[in-house]
Amino acid sequence: MAYEQGGLPALLPHKPGPRRAHKLSEEVVEALGEALEEEPTLGTAQLVGLVEERFGISVHPRSIERALARQEKKRRR
């Protein structure tokens, strides 16, 4: 059926999901950085709560860790 509708390309697997932090916009990452400047002892779980509360989005703790690491890497340049 897929071949009939889309030909050979329809049989190939689709691209996987997003390859970048699409939920963590610059605004969100900036807010996280500011929160950490004010309170350096904040943990990832607390930052997840902050993002949910302030921006109404749920993100995985590891996504926050990666976004903050990218931000720190940019600062060093």
PDB file of N, CA and C in Angstrom:
ATOM      1  N   MET A   1       0.812  -1.182   0.000  1.00  0.00           N
ATOM      2  CA  MET A   1       0.000   0.000   0.000  1.00  0.00           C
ATOM      3  C   MET A   1       0.870   1.266   0.000  1.00  0.00           C
ATOM      4  N   ALA A   2       1.906   1.299   0.873  1.00  0.00           N
ATOM      5  CA  ALA A   2       2.758   2.481   0.934  1.00  0.00           C
ATOM      6  C   ALA A   2       3.473   2.678  -0.404  1.00  0.00           C
ATOM      7  N   TYR A   3       3.922   1.584  -1.009  1.00  0.00           N
ATOM      8  CA  TYR A   3       4.624   1.682  -2.290  1.00  0.00           C
ATOM      9  C   TYR A   3       3.703   2.246  -3.364  1.00  0.00           C
ATOM     10  N   GLU A   4       2.474   1.820  -3.342  1.00  0.00           N
ATOM     11  CA  GLU A   4       1.508   2.294  -4.339  1.00  0.00           C
ATOM     12  C   GLU A   4       1.240   3.789  -4.186  1.00  0.00           C
ATOM     13  N   GLN A   5       1.248   4.280  -2.951  1.00  0.00           N
ATOM     14  CA  GLN A   5       0.959   5.689  -2.727  1.00  0.00           C
ATOM     15  C   GLN A   5       2.176   6.591  -2.911  1.00  0.00           C
ATOM     16  N   GLY A   6       3.353   6.120  -2.473  1.00  0.00           N
ATOM     17  CA  GLY A   6       4.514   7.002  -2.494  1.00  0.00           C
ATOM     18  C   GLY A   6       5.724   6.470  -3.236  1.00  0.00           C
ATOM     19  N   GLY A   7       5.598   5.311  -3.833  1.00  0.00           N
ATOM     20  CA  GLY A   7       6.725   4.750  -4.554  1.00  0.00           C
ATOM     21  C   GLY A   7       7.807   4.256  -3.608  1.00  0.00           C
ATOM     22  N   LEU A   8       9.009   4.071  -4.135  1.00  0.00           N
ATOM     23  CA  LEU A   8      10.123   3.539  -3.359  1.00  0.00           C
ATOM     24  C   LEU A   8      10.471   4.399  -2.129  1.00  0.00           C
ATOM     25  N   PRO A   9      10.448   5.741  -2.218  1.00  0.00           N
ATOM     26  CA  PRO A   9      10.758   6.539  -1.023  1.00  0.00           C
ATOM     27  C   PRO A   9       9.808   6.275   0.147  1.00  0.00           C
ATOM     28  N   ALA A  10       8.584   5.867  -0.126  1.00  0.00           N
ATOM     29  CA  ALA A  10       7.622   5.598   0.936  1.00  0.00           C
ATOM     30  C   ALA A  10       8.004   4.364   1.749  1.00  0.00           C
ATOM     31  N   LEU A  11       8.870   3.527   1.212  1.00  0.00           N
ATOM     32  CA  LEU A  11       9.288   2.319   1.919  1.00  0.00           C
ATOM     33  C   LEU A  11      10.494   2.569   2.824  1.00  0.00           C
ATOM     34  N   LEU A  12      11.171   3.674   2.624  1.00  0.00           N
ATOM     35  CA  LEU A  12      12.339   3.990   3.446  1.00  0.00           C
ATOM     36  C   LEU A  12      11.902   4.504   4.809  1.00  0.00           C
ATOM     37  N   PRO A  13      12.713   4.246   5.835  1.00  0.00           N
ATOM     38  CA  PRO A  13      12.336   4.731   7.166  1.00  0.00           C
ATOM     39  C   PRO A  13      12.331   6.258   7.207  1.00  0.00           C
ATOM     40  N   HIS A  14      11.450   6.784   8.017  1.00  0.00           N
ATOM     41  CA  HIS A  14      11.360   8.234   8.173  1.00  0.00           C
ATOM     42  C   HIS A  14      12.485   8.726   9.067  1.00  0.00           C
ATOM     43  N   LYS A  15      12.778  10.007   8.961  1.00  0.00           N
ATOM     44  CA  LYS A  15      13.799  10.599   9.811  1.00  0.00           C
ATOM     45  C   LYS A  15      13.377  10.492  11.271  1.00  0.00           C
ATOM     46  N   PRO A  16      14.345  10.337  12.167  1.00  0.00           N
ATOM     47  CA  PRO A  16      14.007  10.336  13.589  1.00  0.00           C
ATOM     48  C   PRO A  16      13.606  11.743  14.038  1.00  0.00           C
ATOM     49  N   GLY A  17      13.265  11.871  15.278  1.00  0.00           N
ATOM     50  CA  GLY A  17      12.801  13.143  15.831  1.00  0.00           C
ATOM     51  C   GLY A  17      13.839  14.245  15.778  1.00  0.00           C
ATOM     52  N   PRO A  18      13.534  15.350  16.440  1.00  0.00           N
ATOM     53  CA  PRO A  18      14.411  16.527  16.411  1.00  0.00           C
ATOM     54  C   PRO A  18      15.820  16.211  16.900  1.00  0.00           C
ATOM     55  N   ARG A  19      16.793  16.874  16.332  1.00  0.00           N
ATOM     56  CA  ARG A  19      18.192  16.674  16.710  1.00  0.00           C
ATOM     57  C   ARG A  19      18.729  17.830  17.536  1.00  0.00           C
ATOM     58  N   ARG A  20      17.855  18.722  17.939  1.00  0.00           N
ATOM     59  CA  ARG A  20      18.297  19.849  18.754  1.00  0.00           C
ATOM     60  C   ARG A  20      17.285  20.057  19.873  1.00  0.00           C
ATOM     61  N   ALA A  21      17.640  20.895  20.802  1.00  0.00           N
ATOM     62  CA  ALA A  21      16.766  21.145  21.947  1.00  0.00           C
ATOM     63  C   ALA A  21      15.643  22.087  21.537  1.00  0.00           C
ATOM     64  N   HIS A  22      14.630  21.565  20.902  1.00  0.00           N
ATOM     65  CA  HIS A  22      13.570  22.413  20.364  1.00  0.00           C
ATOM     66  C   HIS A  22      12.705  23.036  21.448  1.00  0.00           C
ATOM     67  N   LYS A  23      12.614  22.434  22.611  1.00  0.00           N
ATOM     68  CA  LYS A  23      11.830  23.020  23.695  1.00  0.00           C
ATOM     69  C   LYS A  23      12.631  24.080  24.451  1.00  0.00           C
ATOM     70  N   LEU A  24      13.918  23.879  24.514  1.00  0.00           N
ATOM     71  CA  LEU A  24      14.758  24.781  25.294  1.00  0.00           C
ATOM     72  C   LEU A  24      15.263  25.919  24.414  1.00  0.00           C
ATOM     73  N   SER A  25      14.416  26.905  24.246  1.00  0.00           N
ATOM     74  CA  SER A  25      14.777  28.071  23.449  1.00  0.00           C
ATOM     75  C   SER A  25      15.862  28.862  24.174  1.00  0.00           C
ATOM     76  N   GLU A  26      16.407  29.853  23.491  1.00  0.00           N
ATOM     77  CA  GLU A  26      17.427  30.696  24.110  1.00  0.00           C
ATOM     78  C   GLU A  26      16.875  31.371  25.358  1.00  0.00           C
ATOM     79  N   GLU A  27      15.612  31.755  25.298  1.00  0.00           N
ATOM     80  CA  GLU A  27      14.969  32.408  26.448  1.00  0.00           C
ATOM     81  C   GLU A  27      14.952  31.481  27.665  1.00  0.00           C
ATOM     82  N   VAL A  28      14.616  30.211  27.448  1.00  0.00           N
ATOM     83  CA  VAL A  28      14.541  29.246  28.541  1.00  0.00           C
ATOM     84  C   VAL A  28      15.937  28.985  29.104  1.00  0.00           C
ATOM     85  N   VAL A  29      16.908  28.775  28.237  1.00  0.00           N
ATOM     86  CA  VAL A  29      18.274  28.503  28.692  1.00  0.00           C
ATOM     87  C   VAL A  29      18.840  29.712  29.434  1.00  0.00           C
ATOM     88  N   GLU A  30      18.520  30.893  28.953  1.00  0.00           N
ATOM     89  CA  GLU A  30      18.975  32.114  29.630  1.00  0.00           C
ATOM     90  C   GLU A  30      18.373  32.195  31.033  1.00  0.00           C
ATOM     91  N   ALA A  31      17.088  31.869  31.163  1.00  0.00           N
ATOM     92  CA  ALA A  31      16.434  31.879  32.474  1.00  0.00           C
ATOM     93  C   ALA A  31      17.077  30.853  33.407  1.00  0.00           C
ATOM     94  N   LEU A  32      17.443  29.708  32.871  1.00  0.00           N
ATOM     95  CA  LEU A  32      18.115  28.691  33.684  1.00  0.00           C
ATOM     96  C   LEU A  32      19.467  29.194  34.165  1.00  0.00           C
ATOM     97  N   GLY A  33      20.205  29.830  33.260  1.00  0.00           N
ATOM     98  CA  GLY A  33      21.504  30.381  33.633  1.00  0.00           C
ATOM     99  C   GLY A  33      21.373  31.437  34.719  1.00  0.00           C
ATOM    100  N   GLU A  34      20.371  32.293  34.597  1.00  0.00           N
ATOM    101  CA  GLU A  34      20.149  33.332  35.609  1.00  0.00           C
ATOM    102  C   GLU A  34      19.785  32.711  36.953  1.00  0.00           C
ATOM    103  N   ALA A  35      18.949  31.680  36.921  1.00  0.00           N
ATOM    104  CA  ALA A  35      18.555  31.004  38.162  1.00  0.00           C
ATOM    105  C   ALA A  35      19.775  30.385  38.839  1.00  0.00           C
ATOM    106  N   LEU A  36      20.678  29.819  38.039  1.00  0.00           N
ATOM    107  CA  LEU A  36      21.883  29.215  38.608  1.00  0.00           C
ATOM    108  C   LEU A  36      22.859  30.264  39.131  1.00  0.00           C
ATOM    109  N   GLU A  37      22.873  31.430  38.498  1.00  0.00           N
ATOM    110  CA  GLU A  37      23.728  32.503  39.007  1.00  0.00           C
ATOM    111  C   GLU A  37      23.233  32.960  40.373  1.00  0.00           C
ATOM    112  N   GLU A  38      21.906  33.060  40.526  1.00  0.00           N
ATOM    113  CA  GLU A  38      21.317  33.478  41.792  1.00  0.00           C
ATOM    114  C   GLU A  38      21.476  32.407  42.864  1.00  0.00           C
ATOM    115  N   GLU A  39      21.303  31.146  42.466  1.00  0.00           N
ATOM    116  CA  GLU A  39      21.356  30.033  43.411  1.00  0.00           C
ATOM    117  C   GLU A  39      22.128  28.873  42.787  1.00  0.00           C
ATOM    118  N   PRO A  40      23.470  28.888  42.912  1.00  0.00           N
ATOM    119  CA  PRO A  40      24.305  27.868  42.259  1.00  0.00           C
ATOM    120  C   PRO A  40      24.059  26.435  42.725  1.00  0.00           C
ATOM    121  N   THR A  41      23.391  26.262  43.862  1.00  0.00           N
ATOM    122  CA  THR A  41      23.176  24.906  44.382  1.00  0.00           C
ATOM    123  C   THR A  41      21.925  24.237  43.819  1.00  0.00           C
ATOM    124  N   LEU A  42      21.199  24.926  42.934  1.00  0.00           N
ATOM    125  CA  LEU A  42      20.003  24.321  42.344  1.00  0.00           C
ATOM    126  C   LEU A  42      20.372  23.048  41.585  1.00  0.00           C
ATOM    127  N   GLY A  43      19.592  22.018  41.796  1.00  0.00           N
ATOM    128  CA  GLY A  43      19.796  20.766  41.081  1.00  0.00           C
ATOM    129  C   GLY A  43      18.969  20.711  39.810  1.00  0.00           C
ATOM    130  N   THR A  44      19.222  19.699  39.033  1.00  0.00           N
ATOM    131  CA  THR A  44      18.519  19.546  37.761  1.00  0.00           C
ATOM    132  C   THR A  44      17.015  19.396  37.971  1.00  0.00           C
ATOM    133  N   ALA A  45      16.628  18.639  38.990  1.00  0.00           N
ATOM    134  CA  ALA A  45      15.198  18.446  39.253  1.00  0.00           C
ATOM    135  C   ALA A  45      14.525  19.780  39.574  1.00  0.00           C
ATOM    136  N   GLN A  46      15.212  20.632  40.299  1.00  0.00           N
ATOM    137  CA  GLN A  46      14.655  21.945  40.616  1.00  0.00           C
ATOM    138  C   GLN A  46      14.553  22.813  39.360  1.00  0.00           C
ATOM    139  N   LEU A  47      15.520  22.678  38.479  1.00  0.00           N
ATOM    140  CA  LEU A  47      15.480  23.439  37.228  1.00  0.00           C
ATOM    141  C   LEU A  47      14.340  22.958  36.330  1.00  0.00           C
ATOM    142  N   VAL A  48      14.089  21.653  36.342  1.00  0.00           N
ATOM    143  CA  VAL A  48      12.949  21.110  35.593  1.00  0.00           C
ATOM    144  C   VAL A  48      11.664  21.752  36.106  1.00  0.00           C
ATOM    145  N   GLY A  49      11.530  21.833  37.421  1.00  0.00           N
ATOM    146  CA  GLY A  49      10.357  22.462  38.014  1.00  0.00           C
ATOM    147  C   GLY A  49      10.230  23.923  37.638  1.00  0.00           C
ATOM    148  N   LEU A  50      11.353  24.618  37.611  1.00  0.00           N
ATOM    149  CA  LEU A  50      11.352  26.029  37.235  1.00  0.00           C
ATOM    150  C   LEU A  50      10.852  26.213  35.803  1.00  0.00           C
ATOM    151  N   VAL A  51      11.328  25.367  34.894  1.00  0.00           N
ATOM    152  CA  VAL A  51      10.904  25.463  33.482  1.00  0.00           C
ATOM    153  C   VAL A  51       9.418  25.163  33.356  1.00  0.00           C
ATOM    154  N   GLU A  52       8.956  24.153  34.073  1.00  0.00           N
ATOM    155  CA  GLU A  52       7.530  23.817  34.010  1.00  0.00           C
ATOM    156  C   GLU A  52       6.683  24.957  34.562  1.00  0.00           C
ATOM    157  N   GLU A  53       7.123  25.527  35.672  1.00  0.00           N
ATOM    158  CA  GLU A  53       6.360  26.586  36.315  1.00  0.00           C
ATOM    159  C   GLU A  53       6.353  27.872  35.489  1.00  0.00           C
ATOM    160  N   ARG A  54       7.530  28.268  35.026  1.00  0.00           N
ATOM    161  CA  ARG A  54       7.648  29.569  34.352  1.00  0.00           C
ATOM    162  C   ARG A  54       7.215  29.521  32.889  1.00  0.00           C
ATOM    163  N   PHE A  55       7.523  28.415  32.201  1.00  0.00           N
ATOM    164  CA  PHE A  55       7.270  28.367  30.755  1.00  0.00           C
ATOM    165  C   PHE A  55       6.172  27.384  30.360  1.00  0.00           C
ATOM    166  N   GLY A  56       5.728  26.569  31.299  1.00  0.00           N
ATOM    167  CA  GLY A  56       4.652  25.628  31.014  1.00  0.00           C
ATOM    168  C   GLY A  56       5.037  24.488  30.095  1.00  0.00           C
ATOM    169  N   ILE A  57       6.314  24.129  30.080  1.00  0.00           N
ATOM    170  CA  ILE A  57       6.761  22.999  29.251  1.00  0.00           C
ATOM    171  C   ILE A  57       7.475  21.982  30.137  1.00  0.00           C
ATOM    172  N   SER A  58       7.354  20.728  29.769  1.00  0.00           N
ATOM    173  CA  SER A  58       8.063  19.695  30.518  1.00  0.00           C
ATOM    174  C   SER A  58       9.276  19.252  29.703  1.00  0.00           C
ATOM    175  N   VAL A  59      10.386  19.189  30.381  1.00  0.00           N
ATOM    176  CA  VAL A  59      11.632  18.766  29.735  1.00  0.00           C
ATOM    177  C   VAL A  59      12.303  17.719  30.608  1.00  0.00           C
ATOM    178  N   HIS A  60      13.090  16.907  29.977  1.00  0.00           N
ATOM    179  CA  HIS A  60      13.841  15.877  30.687  1.00  0.00           C
ATOM    180  C   HIS A  60      15.048  16.522  31.359  1.00  0.00           C
ATOM    181  N   PRO A  61      15.392  16.076  32.553  1.00  0.00           N
ATOM    182  CA  PRO A  61      16.558  16.646  33.238  1.00  0.00           C
ATOM    183  C   PRO A  61      17.836  16.604  32.402  1.00  0.00           C
ATOM    184  N   ARG A  62      18.016  15.548  31.655  1.00  0.00           N
ATOM    185  CA  ARG A  62      19.229  15.434  30.829  1.00  0.00           C
ATOM    186  C   ARG A  62      19.250  16.505  29.739  1.00  0.00           C
ATOM    187  N   SER A  63      18.094  16.886  29.228  1.00  0.00           N
ATOM    188  CA  SER A  63      18.033  17.950  28.224  1.00  0.00           C
ATOM    189  C   SER A  63      18.534  19.263  28.810  1.00  0.00           C
ATOM    190  N   ILE A  64      18.165  19.515  30.053  1.00  0.00           N
ATOM    191  CA  ILE A  64      18.636  20.730  30.717  1.00  0.00           C
ATOM    192  C   ILE A  64      20.144  20.677  30.907  1.00  0.00           C
ATOM    193  N   GLU A  65      20.651  19.539  31.330  1.00  0.00           N
ATOM    194  CA  GLU A  65      22.102  19.398  31.516  1.00  0.00           C
ATOM    195  C   GLU A  65      22.851  19.663  30.208  1.00  0.00           C
ATOM    196  N   ARG A  66      22.351  19.106  29.122  1.00  0.00           N
ATOM    197  CA  ARG A  66      23.022  19.298  27.827  1.00  0.00           C
ATOM    198  C   ARG A  66      22.948  20.752  27.377  1.00  0.00           C
ATOM    199  N   ALA A  67      21.782  21.382  27.571  1.00  0.00           N
ATOM    200  CA  ALA A  67      21.623  22.778  27.160  1.00  0.00           C
ATOM    201  C   ALA A  67      22.563  23.683  27.948  1.00  0.00           C
ATOM    202  N   LEU A  68      22.681  23.443  29.237  1.00  0.00           N
ATOM    203  CA  LEU A  68      23.579  24.257  30.056  1.00  0.00           C
ATOM    204  C   LEU A  68      25.040  24.018  29.684  1.00  0.00           C
ATOM    205  N   ALA A  69      25.375  22.785  29.341  1.00  0.00           N
ATOM    206  CA  ALA A  69      26.742  22.482  28.907  1.00  0.00           C
ATOM    207  C   ALA A  69      27.059  23.199  27.595  1.00  0.00           C
ATOM    208  N   ARG A  70      26.099  23.235  26.675  1.00  0.00           N
ATOM    209  CA  ARG A  70      26.302  23.959  25.408  1.00  0.00           C
ATOM    210  C   ARG A  70      26.487  25.441  25.667  1.00  0.00           C
ATOM    211  N   GLN A  71      25.686  25.988  26.582  1.00  0.00           N
ATOM    212  CA  GLN A  71      25.784  27.408  26.907  1.00  0.00           C
ATOM    213  C   GLN A  71      27.160  27.717  27.506  1.00  0.00           C
ATOM    214  N   GLU A  72      27.611  26.856  28.390  1.00  0.00           N
ATOM    215  CA  GLU A  72      28.930  27.061  29.012  1.00  0.00           C
ATOM    216  C   GLU A  72      30.039  26.981  27.965  1.00  0.00           C
ATOM    217  N   LYS A  73      29.896  26.075  27.037  1.00  0.00           N
ATOM    218  CA  LYS A  73      30.888  25.925  25.969  1.00  0.00           C
ATOM    219  C   LYS A  73      30.957  27.196  25.119  1.00  0.00           C
ATOM    220  N   LYS A  74      29.794  27.795  24.837  1.00  0.00           N
ATOM    221  CA  LYS A  74      29.750  29.035  24.045  1.00  0.00           C
ATOM    222  C   LYS A  74      30.422  30.175  24.798  1.00  0.00           C
ATOM    223  N   ARG A  75      30.243  30.227  26.121  1.00  0.00           N
ATOM    224  CA  ARG A  75      30.840  31.299  26.914  1.00  0.00           C
ATOM    225  C   ARG A  75      32.363  31.246  26.880  1.00  0.00           C
ATOM    226  N   ARG A  76      32.897  30.037  26.846  1.00  0.00           N
ATOM    227  CA  ARG A  76      34.357  29.872  26.868  1.00  0.00           C
ATOM    228  C   ARG A  76      35.026  30.346  25.584  1.00  0.00           C
ATOM    229  N   ARG A  77      34.295  30.404  24.516  1.00  0.00           N
ATOM    230  CA  ARG A  77      34.893  30.770  23.221  1.00  0.00           C
ATOM    231  C   ARG A  77      35.256  32.213  23.173  1.00  0.00           C
TER     232      ARG A  77
END
